[in-house]
């Protein structure tokens, strides 16, 4: 059985000049994906992994806020120094 409890077989189909697979609505809902959502497709050994696409720098604000609340994380990091001298 799959991780989320859904197991299915499907066929690769022709879509114009490309190929694709049809994903049932229930499977998309289980993975929190929706129609027309940008996704990332990775190859992991012999598997395709489909995950939501992330925007560049997504999550940086929260990460920096967390770092600011824990000054030890930033200790020893040069601040205000030129790197390209």
PDB file of N, CA and C in Angstrom:
ATOM      1  N   UNK A   1       0.848  -1.184   0.000  1.00  0.00           N
ATOM      2  CA  UNK A   1       0.000   0.000   0.000  1.00  0.00           C
ATOM      3  C   UNK A   1       0.884   1.234   0.000  1.00  0.00           C
ATOM      4  N   UNK A   2       0.452   2.303  -0.665  1.00  0.00           N
ATOM      5  CA  UNK A   2       1.211   3.543  -0.731  1.00  0.00           C
ATOM      6  C   UNK A   2       1.243   4.259   0.609  1.00  0.00           C
ATOM      7  N   UNK A   3       2.083   5.232   0.723  1.00  0.00           N
ATOM      8  CA  UNK A   3       2.251   5.981   1.973  1.00  0.00           C
ATOM      9  C   UNK A   3       0.937   6.608   2.425  1.00  0.00           C
ATOM     10  N   UNK A   4       0.214   7.246   1.494  1.00  0.00           N
ATOM     11  CA  UNK A   4      -1.051   7.890   1.842  1.00  0.00           C
ATOM     12  C   UNK A   4      -2.238   6.951   1.805  1.00  0.00           C
ATOM     13  N   UNK A   5      -2.001   5.680   1.504  1.00  0.00           N
ATOM     14  CA  UNK A   5      -3.094   4.730   1.469  1.00  0.00           C
ATOM     15  C   UNK A   5      -3.726   4.579   0.098  1.00  0.00           C
ATOM     16  N   UNK A   6      -3.316   5.364  -0.864  1.00  0.00           N
ATOM     17  CA  UNK A   6      -3.873   5.273  -2.211  1.00  0.00           C
ATOM     18  C   UNK A   6      -2.855   4.599  -3.115  1.00  0.00           C
ATOM     19  N   UNK A   7      -3.284   3.542  -3.776  1.00  0.00           N
ATOM     20  CA  UNK A   7      -2.452   2.851  -4.751  1.00  0.00           C
ATOM     21  C   UNK A   7      -3.244   2.789  -6.035  1.00  0.00           C
ATOM     22  N   UNK A   8      -2.620   3.116  -7.144  1.00  0.00           N
ATOM     23  CA  UNK A   8      -3.329   3.072  -8.417  1.00  0.00           C
ATOM     24  C   UNK A   8      -2.371   2.714  -9.527  1.00  0.00           C
ATOM     25  N   UNK A   9      -2.914   2.173 -10.574  1.00  0.00           N
ATOM     26  CA  UNK A   9      -2.156   1.956 -11.803  1.00  0.00           C
ATOM     27  C   UNK A   9      -2.794   2.801 -12.879  1.00  0.00           C
ATOM     28  N   UNK A  10      -1.987   3.313 -13.756  1.00  0.00           N
ATOM     29  CA  UNK A  10      -2.464   4.120 -14.868  1.00  0.00           C
ATOM     30  C   UNK A  10      -1.537   3.875 -16.042  1.00  0.00           C
ATOM     31  N   UNK A  11      -1.862   4.438 -17.177  1.00  0.00           N
ATOM     32  CA  UNK A  11      -1.026   4.296 -18.361  1.00  0.00           C
ATOM     33  C   UNK A  11      -0.511   5.660 -18.778  1.00  0.00           C
ATOM     34  N   UNK A  12       0.635   5.658 -19.401  1.00  0.00           N
ATOM     35  CA  UNK A  12       1.159   6.881 -20.001  1.00  0.00           C
ATOM     36  C   UNK A  12       0.379   7.099 -21.293  1.00  0.00           C
ATOM     37  N   UNK A  13      -0.145   8.307 -21.469  1.00  0.00           N
ATOM     38  CA  UNK A  13      -0.973   8.634 -22.626  1.00  0.00           C
ATOM     39  C   UNK A  13      -0.335   9.757 -23.428  1.00  0.00           C
ATOM     40  N   UNK A  14      -0.713   9.845 -24.697  1.00  0.00           N
ATOM     41  CA  UNK A  14      -0.230  10.920 -25.559  1.00  0.00           C
ATOM     42  C   UNK A  14      -1.088  12.149 -25.307  1.00  0.00           C
ATOM     43  N   UNK A  15      -0.412  13.288 -25.097  1.00  0.00           N
ATOM     44  CA  UNK A  15      -1.083  14.577 -24.910  1.00  0.00           C
ATOM     45  C   UNK A  15      -0.390  15.541 -25.866  1.00  0.00           C
ATOM     46  N   UNK A  16      -0.972  15.730 -27.067  1.00  0.00           N
ATOM     47  CA  UNK A  16      -0.318  16.550 -28.090  1.00  0.00           C
ATOM     48  C   UNK A  16       0.978  15.894 -28.515  1.00  0.00           C
ATOM     49  N   UNK A  17       2.081  16.641 -28.447  1.00  0.00           N
ATOM     50  CA  UNK A  17       3.395  16.099 -28.796  1.00  0.00           C
ATOM     51  C   UNK A  17       4.133  15.569 -27.562  1.00  0.00           C
ATOM     52  N   UNK A  18       3.453  15.499 -26.434  1.00  0.00           N
ATOM     53  CA  UNK A  18       4.058  15.036 -25.187  1.00  0.00           C
ATOM     54  C   UNK A  18       3.366  13.777 -24.698  1.00  0.00           C
ATOM     55  N   UNK A  19       3.824  13.276 -23.583  1.00  0.00           N
ATOM     56  CA  UNK A  19       3.177  12.161 -22.919  1.00  0.00           C
ATOM     57  C   UNK A  19       2.868  12.582 -21.491  1.00  0.00           C
ATOM     58  N   UNK A  20       1.877  11.939 -20.900  1.00  0.00           N
ATOM     59  CA  UNK A  20       1.518  12.280 -19.536  1.00  0.00           C
ATOM     60  C   UNK A  20       0.719  11.178 -18.889  1.00  0.00           C
ATOM     61  N   UNK A  21       0.326  11.411 -17.650  1.00  0.00           N
ATOM     62  CA  UNK A  21      -0.548  10.487 -16.934  1.00  0.00           C
ATOM     63  C   UNK A  21      -1.719  11.281 -16.374  1.00  0.00           C
ATOM     64  N   UNK A  22      -2.834  10.604 -16.218  1.00  0.00           N
ATOM     65  CA  UNK A  22      -4.006  11.230 -15.599  1.00  0.00           C
ATOM     66  C   UNK A  22      -3.980  10.896 -14.115  1.00  0.00           C
ATOM     67  N   UNK A  23      -4.216  11.911 -13.283  1.00  0.00           N
ATOM     68  CA  UNK A  23      -4.219  11.723 -11.835  1.00  0.00           C
ATOM     69  C   UNK A  23      -5.627  11.954 -11.312  1.00  0.00           C
ATOM     70  N   UNK A  24      -6.185  11.005 -10.583  1.00  0.00           N
ATOM     71  CA  UNK A  24      -7.528  11.187 -10.035  1.00  0.00           C
ATOM     72  C   UNK A  24      -7.578  12.337  -9.031  1.00  0.00           C
ATOM     73  N   UNK A  25      -8.712  12.975  -8.959  1.00  0.00           N
ATOM     74  CA  UNK A  25      -8.921  14.105  -8.053  1.00  0.00           C
ATOM     75  C   UNK A  25      -8.571  13.721  -6.614  1.00  0.00           C
ATOM     76  N   UNK A  26      -8.979  12.528  -6.197  1.00  0.00           N
ATOM     77  CA  UNK A  26      -8.718  12.092  -4.818  1.00  0.00           C
ATOM     78  C   UNK A  26      -7.213  12.034  -4.527  1.00  0.00           C
ATOM     79  N   UNK A  27      -6.440  11.598  -5.504  1.00  0.00           N
ATOM     80  CA  UNK A  27      -4.992  11.529  -5.325  1.00  0.00           C
ATOM     81  C   UNK A  27      -4.404  12.937  -5.176  1.00  0.00           C
ATOM     82  N   UNK A  28      -4.853  13.873  -6.013  1.00  0.00           N
ATOM     83  CA  UNK A  28      -4.379  15.256  -5.903  1.00  0.00           C
ATOM     84  C   UNK A  28      -4.751  15.849  -4.547  1.00  0.00           C
ATOM     85  N   UNK A  29      -5.983  15.584  -4.107  1.00  0.00           N
ATOM     86  CA  UNK A  29      -6.421  16.101  -2.802  1.00  0.00           C
ATOM     87  C   UNK A  29      -5.562  15.526  -1.675  1.00  0.00           C
ATOM     88  N   UNK A  30      -5.266  14.233  -1.762  1.00  0.00           N
ATOM     89  CA  UNK A  30      -4.441  13.574  -0.742  1.00  0.00           C
ATOM     90  C   UNK A  30      -3.066  14.231  -0.644  1.00  0.00           C
ATOM     91  N   UNK A  31      -2.552  14.711  -1.784  1.00  0.00           N
ATOM     92  CA  UNK A  31      -1.222  15.335  -1.835  1.00  0.00           C
ATOM     93  C   UNK A  31      -1.276  16.849  -1.731  1.00  0.00           C
ATOM     94  N   UNK A  32      -2.463  17.399  -1.523  1.00  0.00           N
ATOM     95  CA  UNK A  32      -2.661  18.849  -1.413  1.00  0.00           C
ATOM     96  C   UNK A  32      -2.209  19.575  -2.682  1.00  0.00           C
ATOM     97  N   UNK A  33      -2.518  18.987  -3.831  1.00  0.00           N
ATOM     98  CA  UNK A  33      -2.227  19.604  -5.128  1.00  0.00           C
ATOM     99  C   UNK A  33      -3.545  19.950  -5.800  1.00  0.00           C
ATOM    100  N   UNK A  34      -3.515  20.915  -6.707  1.00  0.00           N
ATOM    101  CA  UNK A  34      -4.737  21.323  -7.397  1.00  0.00           C
ATOM    102  C   UNK A  34      -4.453  21.539  -8.882  1.00  0.00           C
ATOM    103  N   UNK A  35      -5.500  21.564  -9.663  1.00  0.00           N
ATOM    104  CA  UNK A  35      -5.388  21.768 -11.105  1.00  0.00           C
ATOM    105  C   UNK A  35      -4.716  23.112 -11.379  1.00  0.00           C
ATOM    106  N   UNK A  36      -3.826  23.149 -12.347  1.00  0.00           N
ATOM    107  CA  UNK A  36      -3.076  24.335 -12.773  1.00  0.00           C
ATOM    108  C   UNK A  36      -2.032  24.816 -11.766  1.00  0.00           C
ATOM    109  N   UNK A  37      -1.800  24.077 -10.711  1.00  0.00           N
ATOM    110  CA  UNK A  37      -0.758  24.433  -9.754  1.00  0.00           C
ATOM    111  C   UNK A  37       0.601  24.077 -10.346  1.00  0.00           C
ATOM    112  N   UNK A  38       1.581  24.927 -10.161  1.00  0.00           N
ATOM    113  CA  UNK A  38       2.942  24.625 -10.604  1.00  0.00           C
ATOM    114  C   UNK A  38       3.517  23.535  -9.705  1.00  0.00           C
ATOM    115  N   UNK A  39       4.143  22.540 -10.321  1.00  0.00           N
ATOM    116  CA  UNK A  39       4.756  21.457  -9.570  1.00  0.00           C
ATOM    117  C   UNK A  39       6.184  21.252 -10.027  1.00  0.00           C
ATOM    118  N   UNK A  40       6.945  20.591  -9.201  1.00  0.00           N
ATOM    119  CA  UNK A  40       8.329  20.227  -9.523  1.00  0.00           C
ATOM    120  C   UNK A  40       8.359  18.712  -9.687  1.00  0.00           C
ATOM    121  N   UNK A  41       9.027  18.240 -10.716  1.00  0.00           N
ATOM    122  CA  UNK A  41       9.153  16.802 -10.949  1.00  0.00           C
ATOM    123  C   UNK A  41      10.630  16.441 -10.839  1.00  0.00           C
ATOM    124  N   UNK A  42      10.948  15.559  -9.905  1.00  0.00           N
ATOM    125  CA  UNK A  42      12.316  15.110  -9.680  1.00  0.00           C
ATOM    126  C   UNK A  42      12.403  13.614  -9.983  1.00  0.00           C
ATOM    127  N   UNK A  43      13.581  13.165 -10.334  1.00  0.00           N
ATOM    128  CA  UNK A  43      13.840  11.745 -10.515  1.00  0.00           C
ATOM    129  C   UNK A  43      14.613  11.263  -9.296  1.00  0.00           C
ATOM    130  N   UNK A  44      14.103  10.228  -8.640  1.00  0.00           N
ATOM    131  CA  UNK A  44      14.753   9.629  -7.481  1.00  0.00           C
ATOM    132  C   UNK A  44      14.957   8.152  -7.807  1.00  0.00           C
ATOM    133  N   UNK A  45      16.146   7.805  -8.226  1.00  0.00           N
ATOM    134  CA  UNK A  45      16.511   6.473  -8.704  1.00  0.00           C
ATOM    135  C   UNK A  45      15.596   6.126  -9.877  1.00  0.00           C
ATOM    136  N   UNK A  46      14.600   5.278  -9.685  1.00  0.00           N
ATOM    137  CA  UNK A  46      13.713   4.916 -10.785  1.00  0.00           C
ATOM    138  C   UNK A  46      12.283   5.390 -10.538  1.00  0.00           C
ATOM    139  N   UNK A  47      12.141   6.489  -9.810  1.00  0.00           N
ATOM    140  CA  UNK A  47      10.818   7.025  -9.465  1.00  0.00           C
ATOM    141  C   UNK A  47      10.720   8.487  -9.864  1.00  0.00           C
ATOM    142  N   UNK A  48       9.526   8.907 -10.222  1.00  0.00           N
ATOM    143  CA  UNK A  48       9.247  10.327 -10.412  1.00  0.00           C
ATOM    144  C   UNK A  48       8.612  10.837  -9.129  1.00  0.00           C
ATOM    145  N   UNK A  49       9.079  11.963  -8.641  1.00  0.00           N
ATOM    146  CA  UNK A  49       8.540  12.566  -7.423  1.00  0.00           C
ATOM    147  C   UNK A  49       7.947  13.915  -7.820  1.00  0.00           C
ATOM    148  N   UNK A  50       6.653  14.074  -7.581  1.00  0.00           N
ATOM    149  CA  UNK A  50       5.960  15.316  -7.921  1.00  0.00           C
ATOM    150  C   UNK A  50       5.666  16.052  -6.621  1.00  0.00           C
ATOM    151  N   UNK A  51       6.091  17.311  -6.533  1.00  0.00           N
ATOM    152  CA  UNK A  51       5.870  18.107  -5.330  1.00  0.00           C
ATOM    153  C   UNK A  51       5.519  19.535  -5.738  1.00  0.00           C
ATOM    154  N   UNK A  52       4.893  20.287  -4.842  1.00  0.00           N
ATOM    155  CA  UNK A  52       4.559  21.676  -5.178  1.00  0.00           C
ATOM    156  C   UNK A  52       5.814  22.462  -5.515  1.00  0.00           C
ATOM    157  N   UNK A  53       5.744  23.295  -6.537  1.00  0.00           N
ATOM    158  CA  UNK A  53       6.868  24.171  -6.881  1.00  0.00           C
ATOM    159  C   UNK A  53       6.975  25.245  -5.814  1.00  0.00           C
ATOM    160  N   UNK A  54       8.169  25.617  -5.495  1.00  0.00           N
ATOM    161  CA  UNK A  54       8.408  26.669  -4.501  1.00  0.00           C
ATOM    162  C   UNK A  54       8.906  27.916  -5.225  1.00  0.00           C
ATOM    163  N   UNK A  55       8.474  29.052  -4.732  1.00  0.00           N
ATOM    164  CA  UNK A  55       8.947  30.315  -5.293  1.00  0.00           C
ATOM    165  C   UNK A  55      10.352  30.596  -4.762  1.00  0.00           C
ATOM    166  N   UNK A  56      11.191  31.267  -5.564  1.00  0.00           N
ATOM    167  CA  UNK A  56      12.523  31.620  -5.071  1.00  0.00           C
ATOM    168  C   UNK A  56      12.407  32.402  -3.763  1.00  0.00           C
ATOM    169  N   UNK A  57      13.240  32.064  -2.821  1.00  0.00           N
ATOM    170  CA  UNK A  57      13.312  32.734  -1.517  1.00  0.00           C
ATOM    171  C   UNK A  57      12.063  32.517  -0.656  1.00  0.00           C
ATOM    172  N   UNK A  58      11.186  31.571  -1.040  1.00  0.00           N
ATOM    173  CA  UNK A  58      10.008  31.281  -0.224  1.00  0.00           C
ATOM    174  C   UNK A  58      10.466  30.768   1.141  1.00  0.00           C
ATOM    175  N   UNK A  59       9.940  31.343   2.188  1.00  0.00           N
ATOM    176  CA  UNK A  59      10.282  30.924   3.533  1.00  0.00           C
ATOM    177  C   UNK A  59      11.459  31.654   4.154  1.00  0.00           C
ATOM    178  N   UNK A  60      12.138  32.503   3.377  1.00  0.00           N
ATOM    179  CA  UNK A  60      13.297  33.216   3.913  1.00  0.00           C
ATOM    180  C   UNK A  60      12.909  34.154   5.050  1.00  0.00           C
ATOM    181  N   UNK A  61      11.789  34.844   4.927  1.00  0.00           N
ATOM    182  CA  UNK A  61      11.389  35.801   5.966  1.00  0.00           C
ATOM    183  C   UNK A  61      11.221  35.089   7.307  1.00  0.00           C
ATOM    184  N   UNK A  62      10.542  33.950   7.296  1.00  0.00           N
ATOM    185  CA  UNK A  62      10.349  33.196   8.536  1.00  0.00           C
ATOM    186  C   UNK A  62      11.682  32.681   9.075  1.00  0.00           C
ATOM    187  N   UNK A  63      12.554  32.221   8.170  1.00  0.00           N
ATOM    188  CA  UNK A  63      13.851  31.718   8.594  1.00  0.00           C
ATOM    189  C   UNK A  63      14.678  32.830   9.247  1.00  0.00           C
ATOM    190  N   UNK A  64      14.683  34.016   8.645  1.00  0.00           N
ATOM    191  CA  UNK A  64      15.428  35.136   9.216  1.00  0.00           C
ATOM    192  C   UNK A  64      14.842  35.598  10.541  1.00  0.00           C
ATOM    193  N   UNK A  65      13.507  35.568  10.639  1.00  0.00           N
ATOM    194  CA  UNK A  65      12.864  35.939  11.904  1.00  0.00           C
ATOM    195  C   UNK A  65      13.274  34.957  12.997  1.00  0.00           C
ATOM    196  N   UNK A  66      13.317  33.662  12.669  1.00  0.00           N
ATOM    197  CA  UNK A  66      13.749  32.664  13.647  1.00  0.00           C
ATOM    198  C   UNK A  66      15.201  32.890  14.043  1.00  0.00           C
ATOM    199  N   UNK A  67      16.056  33.205  13.058  1.00  0.00           N
ATOM    200  CA  UNK A  67      17.475  33.434  13.347  1.00  0.00           C
ATOM    201  C   UNK A  67      17.655  34.665  14.233  1.00  0.00           C
ATOM    202  N   UNK A  68      16.854  35.707  13.988  1.00  0.00           N
ATOM    203  CA  UNK A  68      16.963  36.931  14.786  1.00  0.00           C
ATOM    204  C   UNK A  68      16.544  36.683  16.234  1.00  0.00           C
ATOM    205  N   UNK A  69      15.623  35.741  16.436  1.00  0.00           N
ATOM    206  CA  UNK A  69      15.176  35.450  17.800  1.00  0.00           C
ATOM    207  C   UNK A  69      16.169  34.555  18.550  1.00  0.00           C
ATOM    208  N   UNK A  70      17.160  34.019  17.825  1.00  0.00           N
ATOM    209  CA  UNK A  70      18.195  33.198  18.448  1.00  0.00           C
ATOM    210  C   UNK A  70      19.558  33.739  18.031  1.00  0.00           C
ATOM    211  N   UNK A  71      20.061  34.773  18.730  1.00  0.00           N
ATOM    212  CA  UNK A  71      21.305  35.430  18.339  1.00  0.00           C
ATOM    213  C   UNK A  71      22.501  34.487  18.231  1.00  0.00           C
ATOM    214  N   UNK A  72      22.493  33.370  18.952  1.00  0.00           N
ATOM    215  CA  UNK A  72      23.620  32.438  18.871  1.00  0.00           C
ATOM    216  C   UNK A  72      23.802  31.893  17.466  1.00  0.00           C
ATOM    217  N   UNK A  73      22.725  31.809  16.688  1.00  0.00           N
ATOM    218  CA  UNK A  73      22.816  31.297  15.320  1.00  0.00           C
ATOM    219  C   UNK A  73      23.622  32.230  14.419  1.00  0.00           C
ATOM    220  N   UNK A  74      23.608  33.521  14.740  1.00  0.00           N
ATOM    221  CA  UNK A  74      24.286  34.512  13.913  1.00  0.00           C
ATOM    222  C   UNK A  74      25.675  34.864  14.440  1.00  0.00           C
ATOM    223  N   UNK A  75      26.051  34.318  15.596  1.00  0.00           N
ATOM    224  CA  UNK A  75      27.334  34.650  16.206  1.00  0.00           C
ATOM    225  C   UNK A  75      28.484  34.215  15.304  1.00  0.00           C
ATOM    226  N   UNK A  76      29.428  35.127  15.102  1.00  0.00           N
ATOM    227  CA  UNK A  76      30.590  34.833  14.287  1.00  0.00           C
ATOM    228  C   UNK A  76      30.402  35.098  12.801  1.00  0.00           C
ATOM    229  N   UNK A  77      29.208  35.473  12.384  1.00  0.00           N
ATOM    230  CA  UNK A  77      28.961  35.779  10.976  1.00  0.00           C
ATOM    231  C   UNK A  77      29.263  37.260  10.760  1.00  0.00           C
ATOM    232  N   UNK A  78      30.175  37.623   9.867  1.00  0.00           N
ATOM    233  CA  UNK A  78      30.495  39.024   9.645  1.00  0.00           C
ATOM    234  C   UNK A  78      29.283  39.792   9.112  1.00  0.00           C
ATOM    235  N   UNK A  79      29.033  40.928   9.702  1.00  0.00           N
ATOM    236  CA  UNK A  79      27.910  41.769   9.291  1.00  0.00           C
ATOM    237  C   UNK A  79      28.468  43.104   8.836  1.00  0.00           C
ATOM    238  N   UNK A  80      28.046  43.573   7.699  1.00  0.00           N
ATOM    239  CA  UNK A  80      28.462  44.882   7.220  1.00  0.00           C
ATOM    240  C   UNK A  80      29.845  44.914   6.635  1.00  0.00           C
ATOM    241  N   UNK A  81      30.465  43.786   6.375  1.00  0.00           N
ATOM    242  CA  UNK A  81      31.781  43.748   5.767  1.00  0.00           C
ATOM    243  C   UNK A  81      31.653  43.526   4.269  1.00  0.00           C
ATOM    244  N   UNK A  82      32.532  44.152   3.502  1.00  0.00           N
ATOM    245  CA  UNK A  82      32.504  43.973   2.046  1.00  0.00           C
ATOM    246  C   UNK A  82      33.126  42.613   1.707  1.00  0.00           C
ATOM    247  N   UNK A  83      32.486  41.878   0.842  1.00  0.00           N
ATOM    248  CA  UNK A  83      32.979  40.560   0.437  1.00  0.00           C
ATOM    249  C   UNK A  83      33.793  40.627  -0.844  1.00  0.00           C
ATOM    250  N   UNK A  84      33.599  41.679  -1.637  1.00  0.00           N
ATOM    251  CA  UNK A  84      34.226  41.751  -2.949  1.00  0.00           C
ATOM    252  C   UNK A  84      35.383  42.735  -3.017  1.00  0.00           C
ATOM    253  N   UNK A  85      36.100  42.948  -1.936  1.00  0.00           N
ATOM    254  CA  UNK A  85      37.229  43.900  -1.951  1.00  0.00           C
ATOM    255  C   UNK A  85      38.397  43.382  -2.721  1.00  0.00           C
TER     256      UNK A  85
END
